[in-house]
């Protein structure tokens, strides 16, 4: 078992005392060892001695993804190459990736963080877990891999793709836990049902991450695969998975506060918001040696609860991000998050958990088309125009109520929309074409 009770149940005052000590040490460490931060802190008038309370973190400038790309590949490293034992890079689609370097201590801390969230979710030494993240420069697979091994779980590093073989291995190995993106987990379930082997799977636990997933989508996956699903959160720039994760209570993702200091800011102004406010998550890595990060703007919109959890853990809990500030769609002056659309769609029993958002521009105005699939058992609706029209009207009406704008809805047949073995690409932006 891997429950670090003395740390994970610390009183709030002790947590914050530890965070302040580590923040003070970190600022000096960055000031002395990272030229980028030395310059950035000096320009802001922040010397290490200025950090006397946790609130003094507000004087430290933010770090952004652009900063990381501008310093590609090693400009943010705090140690010589000889101390770096592994490097990962983000899955950026354009330009240079963001590179992250790890010392041996960094890897040990990282696996500790993942081990905690895995155990909190229900994994243990009897877990046989199949990791369906892609192995390579992406942090997700190896991050979960070493954390799960640390608690004694049996790890099957099957990587992504070749879904028929994935299902075969699940049956043959008796896999009882799955690491995957939510969209790929759903696809595995669909294919297993199609092949008539869904009832032969022994899955009990899903450790999902890498992409957003509403509660409604998660419920659909749980129903398909007959498992208990939890979310975990992280990003390459901060280490990878292990920043936070859900326990069995599923009332927020516990932040590993001994390694990460989290803030909520106004994404427009950059001002720190009071506790309990919803805004953009900003994270500082308190213990990283290879590539420490001060006040990284994640772009994820969430809020943080500092109350003790029913599970006994006292680490603060962050809500499932409702979306990214840079993924937010602005349609005719209205802010729209894909998660809002997903919640509406999943409330209709006829609709499959697959959708696509198509953005177009006509006469200088933006338009949103929502393409959705019927579940296989409701495919006959395509031949029943009155019933299909009624369903179309109900979804369109609900979407208008939730989003505040009129959208175009297109209902298509089962298995029409593209499936993904990694992160789902749900947004197709044609506005500049």
Protein backbone atom coordinates (compact mmCIF):
# COMPACT_ATOMS: atom_id res chain seq x y z
CA UNK A 1 0.00 0.00 0.00
CA UNK A 2 1.22 3.49 -0.75
CA UNK A 3 -0.54 5.99 1.47
CA UNK A 4 1.87 8.60 2.88
CA UNK A 5 -0.44 9.47 5.76
CA UNK A 6 1.96 11.76 7.58
CA UNK A 7 2.17 13.99 4.50
CA UNK A 8 -1.25 13.56 2.89
CA UNK A 9 -3.17 14.32 6.10
CA UNK A 10 -1.08 17.26 7.34
CA UNK A 11 -2.94 20.12 9.02
CA UNK A 12 -3.39 23.08 6.67
CA UNK A 13 -1.02 25.26 8.72
CA UNK A 14 1.76 22.66 8.43
CA UNK A 15 1.19 22.29 4.69
CA UNK A 16 1.54 26.02 4.16
CA UNK A 17 4.60 26.25 6.39
CA UNK A 18 6.27 23.55 4.30
CA UNK A 19 5.21 25.25 1.06
CA UNK A 20 6.68 28.58 2.17
CA UNK A 21 10.00 26.99 3.10
CA UNK A 22 10.17 25.21 -0.24
CA UNK A 23 9.07 28.29 -2.18
CA UNK A 24 11.79 30.41 -0.56
CA UNK A 25 14.38 27.75 -1.38
CA UNK A 26 13.05 27.42 -4.93
CA UNK A 27 13.19 31.15 -5.71
CA UNK A 28 16.80 31.32 -4.60
CA UNK A 29 17.57 28.16 -6.56
CA UNK A 30 16.06 29.61 -9.75
CA UNK A 31 17.72 32.99 -9.18
CA UNK A 32 21.13 31.37 -8.80
CA UNK A 33 20.93 28.61 -11.43
CA UNK A 34 18.58 29.62 -14.27
CA UNK A 35 19.70 32.73 -16.24
CA UNK A 36 16.17 33.21 -17.59
CA UNK A 37 14.72 33.42 -14.10
CA UNK A 38 17.60 35.52 -12.78
CA UNK A 39 16.85 38.10 -15.45
CA UNK A 40 13.06 37.84 -15.09
CA UNK A 41 13.14 38.14 -11.29
CA UNK A 42 15.67 40.99 -11.34
CA UNK A 43 13.56 42.95 -13.82
CA UNK A 44 10.55 42.51 -11.53
CA UNK A 45 12.52 43.68 -8.50
CA UNK A 46 12.22 40.29 -6.82
CA UNK A 47 15.25 39.04 -4.93
CA UNK A 48 14.99 35.75 -3.01
CA UNK A 49 14.84 37.62 0.30
CA UNK A 50 11.59 39.31 -0.80
CA UNK A 51 9.58 36.10 -0.39
CA UNK A 52 8.60 36.23 3.28
CA UNK A 53 5.04 34.84 3.05
CA UNK A 54 3.18 32.63 0.60
CA UNK A 55 1.24 35.65 -0.64
CA UNK A 56 4.54 37.23 -1.74
CA UNK A 57 4.47 34.81 -4.68
CA UNK A 58 2.28 37.43 -6.37
CA UNK A 59 5.42 39.51 -7.06
CA UNK A 60 6.98 36.74 -9.16
CA UNK A 61 6.27 37.05 -12.91
CA UNK A 62 4.34 34.28 -14.63
CA UNK A 63 5.96 31.63 -16.81
CA UNK A 64 4.19 30.76 -20.05
CA UNK A 65 4.42 28.10 -22.73
CA UNK A 66 5.91 30.78 -25.00
CA UNK A 67 8.75 31.25 -22.48
CA UNK A 68 9.49 27.54 -22.68
CA UNK A 69 9.48 27.47 -26.45
CA UNK A 70 11.65 30.60 -26.62
CA UNK A 71 14.22 28.85 -24.42
CA UNK A 72 14.23 25.59 -26.40
CA UNK A 73 15.83 23.19 -25.71
CA UNK A 74 17.79 23.67 -22.48
CA UNK A 75 17.40 27.34 -21.56
CA UNK A 76 15.29 26.66 -18.46
CA UNK A 77 17.43 23.85 -17.07
CA UNK A 78 18.93 24.50 -13.65
CA UNK A 79 21.54 21.74 -13.69
CA UNK A 80 24.24 20.66 -16.15
CA UNK A 81 23.40 17.99 -18.70
CA UNK A 82 25.37 15.42 -16.69
CA UNK A 83 22.71 15.62 -13.94
CA UNK A 84 19.80 15.12 -16.35
CA UNK A 85 18.79 11.45 -16.52
CA UNK A 86 15.72 11.78 -18.75
CA UNK A 87 14.06 14.26 -21.08
CA UNK A 88 10.48 14.49 -22.27
CA UNK A 89 8.80 16.91 -24.64
CA UNK A 90 5.24 18.11 -25.00
CA UNK A 91 2.98 17.00 -27.78
CA UNK A 92 2.84 20.38 -29.49
CA UNK A 93 1.31 20.42 -32.96
CA UNK A 94 3.18 23.47 -34.24
CA UNK A 95 6.70 24.78 -33.89
CA UNK A 96 9.19 23.50 -31.35
CA UNK A 97 7.99 21.32 -28.47
CA UNK A 98 8.47 22.27 -24.84
CA UNK A 99 11.32 20.22 -23.39
CA UNK A 100 11.44 19.02 -19.77
CA UNK A 101 14.53 17.62 -18.05
CA UNK A 102 14.56 15.38 -14.96
CA UNK A 103 17.19 14.58 -12.37
CA UNK A 104 17.12 11.25 -10.53
CA UNK A 105 15.42 13.00 -7.59
CA UNK A 106 12.81 14.49 -9.94
CA UNK A 107 11.88 11.04 -11.23
CA UNK A 108 11.61 9.71 -7.68
CA UNK A 109 9.31 12.56 -6.63
CA UNK A 110 7.28 12.17 -9.81
CA UNK A 111 6.66 8.49 -9.24
CA UNK A 112 5.74 9.24 -5.60
CA UNK A 113 3.07 11.70 -6.76
CA UNK A 114 1.61 9.25 -9.27
CA UNK A 115 1.72 6.41 -6.73
CA UNK A 116 -0.35 8.50 -4.33
CA UNK A 117 -3.09 9.29 -6.84
CA UNK A 118 -3.16 5.71 -8.14
CA UNK A 119 -3.64 4.32 -4.65
CA UNK A 120 -6.20 6.99 -3.79
CA UNK A 121 -8.15 5.87 -6.87
CA UNK A 122 -8.11 2.25 -5.73
CA UNK A 123 -5.04 0.66 -7.33
CA UNK A 124 -2.79 -1.65 -5.27
CA UNK A 125 -0.36 -4.56 -5.60
CA UNK A 126 -3.15 -6.77 -6.98
CA UNK A 127 -3.84 -4.41 -9.87
CA UNK A 128 -2.97 -5.49 -13.41
CA UNK A 129 -2.98 -2.23 -15.32
CA UNK A 130 -2.80 -1.80 -19.07
CA UNK A 131 -1.32 1.54 -20.12
CA UNK A 132 -2.81 2.63 -23.43
CA UNK A 133 -1.04 5.96 -23.60
CA UNK A 134 1.59 6.31 -26.30
CA UNK A 135 5.10 5.69 -25.00
CA UNK A 136 7.81 8.11 -26.10
CA UNK A 137 8.41 11.80 -25.53
CA UNK A 138 4.87 12.16 -24.14
CA UNK A 139 5.00 12.13 -20.32
CA UNK A 140 1.72 10.33 -19.67
CA UNK A 141 2.70 6.72 -20.25
CA UNK A 142 6.01 6.59 -18.39
CA UNK A 143 4.69 8.85 -15.63
CA UNK A 144 1.86 6.44 -14.81
CA UNK A 145 4.11 3.43 -15.48
CA UNK A 146 6.67 4.15 -12.76
CA UNK A 147 4.12 5.41 -10.26
CA UNK A 148 2.03 2.25 -10.61
CA UNK A 149 5.09 0.03 -10.31
CA UNK A 150 5.95 1.86 -7.10
CA UNK A 151 2.75 0.62 -5.43
CA UNK A 152 3.45 -2.91 -6.63
CA UNK A 153 0.94 -3.03 -9.47
CA UNK A 154 1.60 -5.22 -12.51
CA UNK A 155 2.06 -2.92 -15.51
CA UNK A 156 1.28 -3.92 -19.09
CA UNK A 157 2.94 -1.24 -21.30
CA UNK A 158 0.78 -1.88 -24.35
CA UNK A 159 0.95 1.74 -25.59
CA UNK A 160 -1.75 3.16 -27.87
CA UNK A 161 -3.25 1.78 -31.06
CA UNK A 162 -3.88 -1.75 -32.33
CA UNK A 163 -7.12 -1.84 -30.40
CA UNK A 164 -8.03 -5.43 -31.28
CA UNK A 165 -4.75 -6.60 -29.75
CA UNK A 166 -5.36 -4.38 -26.70
CA UNK A 167 -8.65 -6.17 -26.11
CA UNK A 168 -7.02 -9.58 -26.59
CA UNK A 169 -4.37 -8.73 -24.00
CA UNK A 170 -7.02 -7.55 -21.56
CA UNK A 171 -8.73 -10.90 -21.81
CA UNK A 172 -5.57 -13.02 -21.71
CA UNK A 173 -3.78 -11.11 -18.95
CA UNK A 174 -6.83 -10.51 -16.79
CA UNK A 175 -6.30 -6.75 -16.94
CA UNK A 176 -8.37 -5.07 -14.21
CA UNK A 177 -7.27 -1.45 -14.62
CA UNK A 178 -6.97 0.76 -17.67
CA UNK A 179 -4.90 3.89 -18.29
CA UNK A 180 -6.15 5.75 -21.36
CA UNK A 181 -7.74 8.91 -22.65
CA UNK A 182 -11.50 8.86 -22.01
CA UNK A 183 -12.25 8.87 -25.75
CA UNK A 184 -9.99 5.86 -26.34
CA UNK A 185 -11.50 4.00 -23.39
CA UNK A 186 -14.92 4.50 -24.94
CA UNK A 187 -13.66 3.22 -28.28
CA UNK A 188 -12.19 0.11 -26.60
CA UNK A 189 -15.59 -0.55 -25.08
CA UNK A 190 -17.39 -0.12 -28.39
CA UNK A 191 -15.05 -2.48 -30.21
CA UNK A 192 -15.19 -5.08 -27.43
CA UNK A 193 -19.00 -5.03 -27.61
CA UNK A 194 -18.89 -5.29 -31.40
CA UNK A 195 -16.65 -8.36 -31.11
CA UNK A 196 -18.88 -9.91 -28.48
CA UNK A 197 -16.21 -10.03 -25.77
CA UNK A 198 -17.24 -7.09 -23.59
CA UNK A 199 -18.47 -9.42 -20.84
CA UNK A 200 -15.10 -11.22 -20.86
CA UNK A 201 -13.19 -8.14 -19.75
CA UNK A 202 -12.33 -7.93 -16.05
CA UNK A 203 -11.81 -4.17 -15.84
CA UNK A 204 -12.63 -2.61 -12.47
CA UNK A 205 -10.71 0.70 -12.49
CA UNK A 206 -10.03 3.41 -15.05
CA UNK A 207 -7.26 5.99 -14.55
CA UNK A 208 -8.10 8.55 -17.20
CA UNK A 209 -6.32 11.70 -18.21
CA UNK A 210 -4.66 13.67 -21.02
CA UNK A 211 -7.96 15.18 -22.19
CA UNK A 212 -11.05 16.72 -20.64
CA UNK A 213 -13.94 14.53 -19.63
CA UNK A 214 -17.26 15.65 -18.20
CA UNK A 215 -19.00 13.69 -15.45
CA UNK A 216 -21.64 12.69 -18.01
CA UNK A 217 -19.03 11.32 -20.42
CA UNK A 218 -17.32 9.46 -17.59
CA UNK A 219 -20.62 7.86 -16.57
CA UNK A 220 -21.10 6.65 -20.13
CA UNK A 221 -17.64 5.05 -20.14
CA UNK A 222 -18.26 3.44 -16.74
CA UNK A 223 -21.49 1.96 -18.01
CA UNK A 224 -19.84 0.63 -21.18
CA UNK A 225 -16.77 -0.92 -19.54
CA UNK A 226 -18.29 -1.70 -16.12
CA UNK A 227 -15.52 0.01 -14.17
CA UNK A 228 -14.95 2.83 -11.67
CA UNK A 229 -13.28 5.78 -13.39
CA UNK A 230 -11.13 8.51 -11.90
CA UNK A 231 -9.42 11.54 -13.38
CA UNK A 232 -5.88 12.66 -12.87
CA UNK A 233 -4.25 15.92 -13.92
CA UNK A 234 -0.84 17.05 -15.03
CA UNK A 235 1.10 18.47 -17.92
CA UNK A 236 4.57 17.99 -19.31
CA UNK A 237 5.72 21.46 -18.33
CA UNK A 238 5.14 20.63 -14.65
CA UNK A 239 6.39 17.01 -14.74
CA UNK A 240 3.52 15.14 -16.34
CA UNK A 241 0.67 13.27 -14.60
CA UNK A 242 0.73 13.42 -10.83
CA UNK A 243 -0.02 17.07 -10.16
CA UNK A 244 -3.42 16.00 -8.85
CA UNK A 245 -5.81 13.07 -8.92
CA UNK A 246 -9.15 11.86 -7.61
CA UNK A 247 -9.66 9.59 -4.63
CA UNK A 248 -12.60 7.18 -4.33
CA UNK A 249 -14.79 10.04 -3.09
CA UNK A 250 -14.45 11.78 -6.47
CA UNK A 251 -15.09 15.23 -5.02
CA UNK A 252 -12.14 16.96 -6.65
CA UNK A 253 -8.58 16.07 -7.57
CA UNK A 254 -6.14 16.13 -4.64
CA UNK A 255 -3.16 18.37 -5.44
CA UNK A 256 0.20 17.04 -4.27
CA UNK A 257 0.80 20.23 -2.31
CA UNK A 258 4.20 19.25 -0.99
CA UNK A 259 5.45 19.35 -4.58
CA UNK A 260 3.16 21.92 -6.20
CA UNK A 261 1.82 25.31 -5.13
CA UNK A 262 -1.43 26.18 -6.88
CA UNK A 263 -3.10 29.55 -7.41
CA UNK A 264 -6.23 30.73 -9.19
CA UNK A 265 -5.97 33.93 -11.22
CA UNK A 266 -8.17 36.03 -13.44
CA UNK A 267 -7.14 34.88 -16.93
CA UNK A 268 -7.76 38.35 -18.37
CA UNK A 269 -5.99 40.53 -15.77
CA UNK A 270 -3.57 38.08 -14.16
CA UNK A 271 -4.77 39.11 -10.70
CA UNK A 272 -4.76 36.44 -7.98
CA UNK A 273 -8.36 35.60 -7.03
CA UNK A 274 -9.70 34.86 -3.51
CA UNK A 275 -9.99 31.24 -2.39
CA UNK A 276 -13.05 29.52 -3.80
CA UNK A 277 -13.02 31.58 -7.00
CA UNK A 278 -13.09 30.07 -10.46
CA UNK A 279 -10.31 31.09 -12.79
CA UNK A 280 -7.08 29.99 -14.45
CA UNK A 281 -4.87 27.52 -12.61
CA UNK A 282 -1.28 28.65 -12.01
CA UNK A 283 1.22 26.11 -10.66
CA UNK A 284 4.71 26.42 -9.15
CA UNK A 285 6.90 23.32 -8.87
CA UNK A 286 8.28 23.33 -5.34
CA UNK A 287 10.78 20.47 -5.55
CA UNK A 288 11.94 20.11 -9.15
CA UNK A 289 15.69 20.24 -9.68
CA UNK A 290 16.21 19.70 -13.41
CA UNK A 291 13.74 22.27 -14.67
CA UNK A 292 11.97 24.19 -11.91
CA UNK A 293 8.99 26.30 -12.95
CA UNK A 294 7.75 29.47 -11.27
CA UNK A 295 4.06 30.33 -11.60
CA UNK A 296 3.24 28.46 -14.78
CA UNK A 297 0.02 29.57 -16.47
CA UNK A 298 -1.75 26.33 -17.35
CA UNK A 299 -4.68 27.97 -19.19
CA UNK A 300 -6.99 25.48 -17.43
CA UNK A 301 -10.13 26.93 -15.85
CA UNK A 302 -10.98 25.47 -12.45
CA UNK A 303 -11.34 26.27 -8.75
CA UNK A 304 -9.75 24.89 -5.59
CA UNK A 305 -11.38 23.54 -2.40
CA UNK A 306 -9.21 23.64 0.73
CA UNK A 307 -11.58 21.71 3.03
CA UNK A 308 -10.58 18.29 4.35
CA UNK A 309 -11.83 15.47 2.14
CA UNK A 310 -14.03 12.65 3.44
CA UNK A 311 -11.19 10.26 2.56
CA UNK A 312 -9.09 11.89 5.30
CA UNK A 313 -6.63 13.64 2.98
CA UNK A 314 -6.08 17.33 3.65
CA UNK A 315 -4.41 18.30 0.39
CA UNK A 316 -6.46 20.88 -1.51
CA UNK A 317 -8.70 19.59 -4.29
CA UNK A 318 -9.10 21.15 -7.71
CA UNK A 319 -12.29 20.76 -9.72
CA UNK A 320 -12.22 19.00 -13.04
CA UNK A 321 -11.15 21.80 -15.41
CA UNK A 322 -14.20 23.06 -17.26
CA UNK A 323 -11.94 23.81 -20.21
CA UNK A 324 -8.87 25.74 -21.25
CA UNK A 325 -8.96 29.48 -21.64
CA UNK A 326 -7.31 29.04 -25.02
CA UNK A 327 -9.80 26.28 -26.03
CA UNK A 328 -12.76 28.47 -25.20
CA UNK A 329 -14.77 29.27 -28.30
CA UNK A 330 -16.03 32.80 -28.74
CA UNK A 331 -19.12 32.61 -30.96
CA UNK A 332 -20.79 35.91 -31.77
CA UNK A 333 -19.56 37.40 -28.51
CA UNK A 334 -20.52 34.42 -26.35
CA UNK A 335 -17.95 32.29 -24.52
CA UNK A 336 -18.54 28.59 -25.19
CA UNK A 337 -16.65 25.68 -23.64
CA UNK A 338 -16.73 22.26 -25.34
CA UNK A 339 -17.49 20.74 -21.92
CA UNK A 340 -20.83 22.59 -21.88
CA UNK A 341 -21.75 21.01 -25.19
CA UNK A 342 -20.65 17.56 -24.02
CA UNK A 343 -22.82 17.82 -20.90
CA UNK A 344 -25.90 18.61 -22.98
CA UNK A 345 -25.27 15.82 -25.48
CA UNK A 346 -24.69 13.19 -22.80
CA UNK A 347 -28.08 13.99 -21.24
CA UNK A 348 -29.82 12.42 -24.26
CA UNK A 349 -29.96 8.63 -24.16
CA UNK A 350 -30.02 8.37 -27.95
CA UNK A 351 -26.70 10.16 -28.48
CA UNK A 352 -23.31 8.43 -28.53
CA UNK A 353 -20.30 9.94 -26.70
CA UNK A 354 -18.74 11.10 -29.96
CA UNK A 355 -19.13 14.58 -31.38
CA UNK A 356 -17.42 17.14 -33.55
CA UNK A 357 -17.56 20.94 -33.43
CA UNK A 358 -17.19 22.69 -36.77
CA UNK A 359 -16.52 26.44 -36.78
CA UNK A 360 -17.19 28.48 -39.91
CA UNK A 361 -17.42 32.18 -40.76
CA UNK A 362 -20.08 33.63 -43.02
CA UNK A 363 -20.77 37.33 -43.65
CA UNK A 364 -18.26 38.26 -40.92
CA UNK A 365 -20.16 36.20 -38.31
CA UNK A 366 -18.98 32.95 -36.67
CA UNK A 367 -21.19 29.88 -36.79
CA UNK A 368 -20.99 26.64 -34.83
CA UNK A 369 -22.14 23.29 -36.17
CA UNK A 370 -22.38 20.39 -33.72
CA UNK A 371 -22.17 16.96 -35.33
CA UNK A 372 -23.39 14.09 -33.14
CA UNK A 373 -23.81 10.34 -33.54
CA UNK A 374 -26.76 8.15 -32.72
CA UNK A 375 -26.13 5.14 -30.55
CA UNK A 376 -26.40 1.92 -32.54
CA UNK A 377 -29.65 0.86 -30.85
CA UNK A 378 -31.25 4.12 -32.03
CA UNK A 379 -30.00 3.97 -35.63
CA UNK A 380 -33.55 3.35 -36.85
CA UNK A 381 -34.33 7.01 -36.05
CA UNK A 382 -32.60 7.94 -39.31
CA UNK A 383 -35.51 6.30 -41.12
CA UNK A 384 -38.13 7.86 -38.86
CA UNK A 385 -38.23 11.53 -39.83
CA UNK A 386 -40.84 12.68 -37.27
CA UNK A 387 -38.98 11.04 -34.36
CA UNK A 388 -35.60 12.29 -35.60
CA UNK A 389 -36.97 15.81 -35.99
CA UNK A 390 -38.35 15.71 -32.46
CA UNK A 391 -34.98 14.64 -31.05
CA UNK A 392 -33.24 17.31 -33.13
CA UNK A 393 -35.55 19.99 -31.78
CA UNK A 394 -35.06 18.89 -28.15
CA UNK A 395 -31.26 18.93 -28.38
CA UNK A 396 -31.22 22.25 -30.23
CA UNK A 397 -33.49 23.83 -27.64
CA UNK A 398 -31.39 22.59 -24.70
CA UNK A 399 -28.19 23.72 -26.41
CA UNK A 400 -29.66 27.21 -26.88
CA UNK A 401 -30.59 27.37 -23.18
CA UNK A 402 -27.13 26.29 -21.99
CA UNK A 403 -24.96 28.15 -24.51
CA UNK A 404 -27.08 31.23 -25.06
CA UNK A 405 -26.64 31.10 -28.85
CA UNK A 406 -28.25 29.29 -31.74
CA UNK A 407 -26.21 26.44 -33.16
CA UNK A 408 -26.58 24.12 -36.12
CA UNK A 409 -27.09 20.49 -35.11
CA UNK A 410 -26.34 17.59 -37.44
CA UNK A 411 -27.28 14.06 -36.35
CA UNK A 412 -25.42 11.28 -38.14
CA UNK A 413 -25.43 7.51 -38.00
CA UNK A 414 -23.47 5.27 -35.66
CA UNK A 415 -19.71 5.06 -36.28
CA UNK A 416 -19.77 7.98 -38.72
CA UNK A 417 -17.44 10.33 -36.83
CA UNK A 418 -13.71 9.70 -36.52
CA UNK A 419 -12.37 7.71 -33.55
CA UNK A 420 -9.10 8.57 -31.81
CA UNK A 421 -6.49 6.42 -30.08
CA UNK A 422 -4.98 9.39 -28.25
CA UNK A 423 -6.42 12.81 -27.51
CA UNK A 424 -9.70 13.36 -29.30
CA UNK A 425 -9.64 16.20 -31.86
CA UNK A 426 -13.16 17.47 -31.54
CA UNK A 427 -12.82 21.01 -32.93
CA UNK A 428 -12.54 21.68 -36.66
CA UNK A 429 -11.90 25.40 -37.24
CA UNK A 430 -12.66 26.45 -40.83
CA UNK A 431 -13.05 30.17 -40.12
CA UNK A 432 -9.92 31.23 -41.98
CA UNK A 433 -10.44 29.03 -45.01
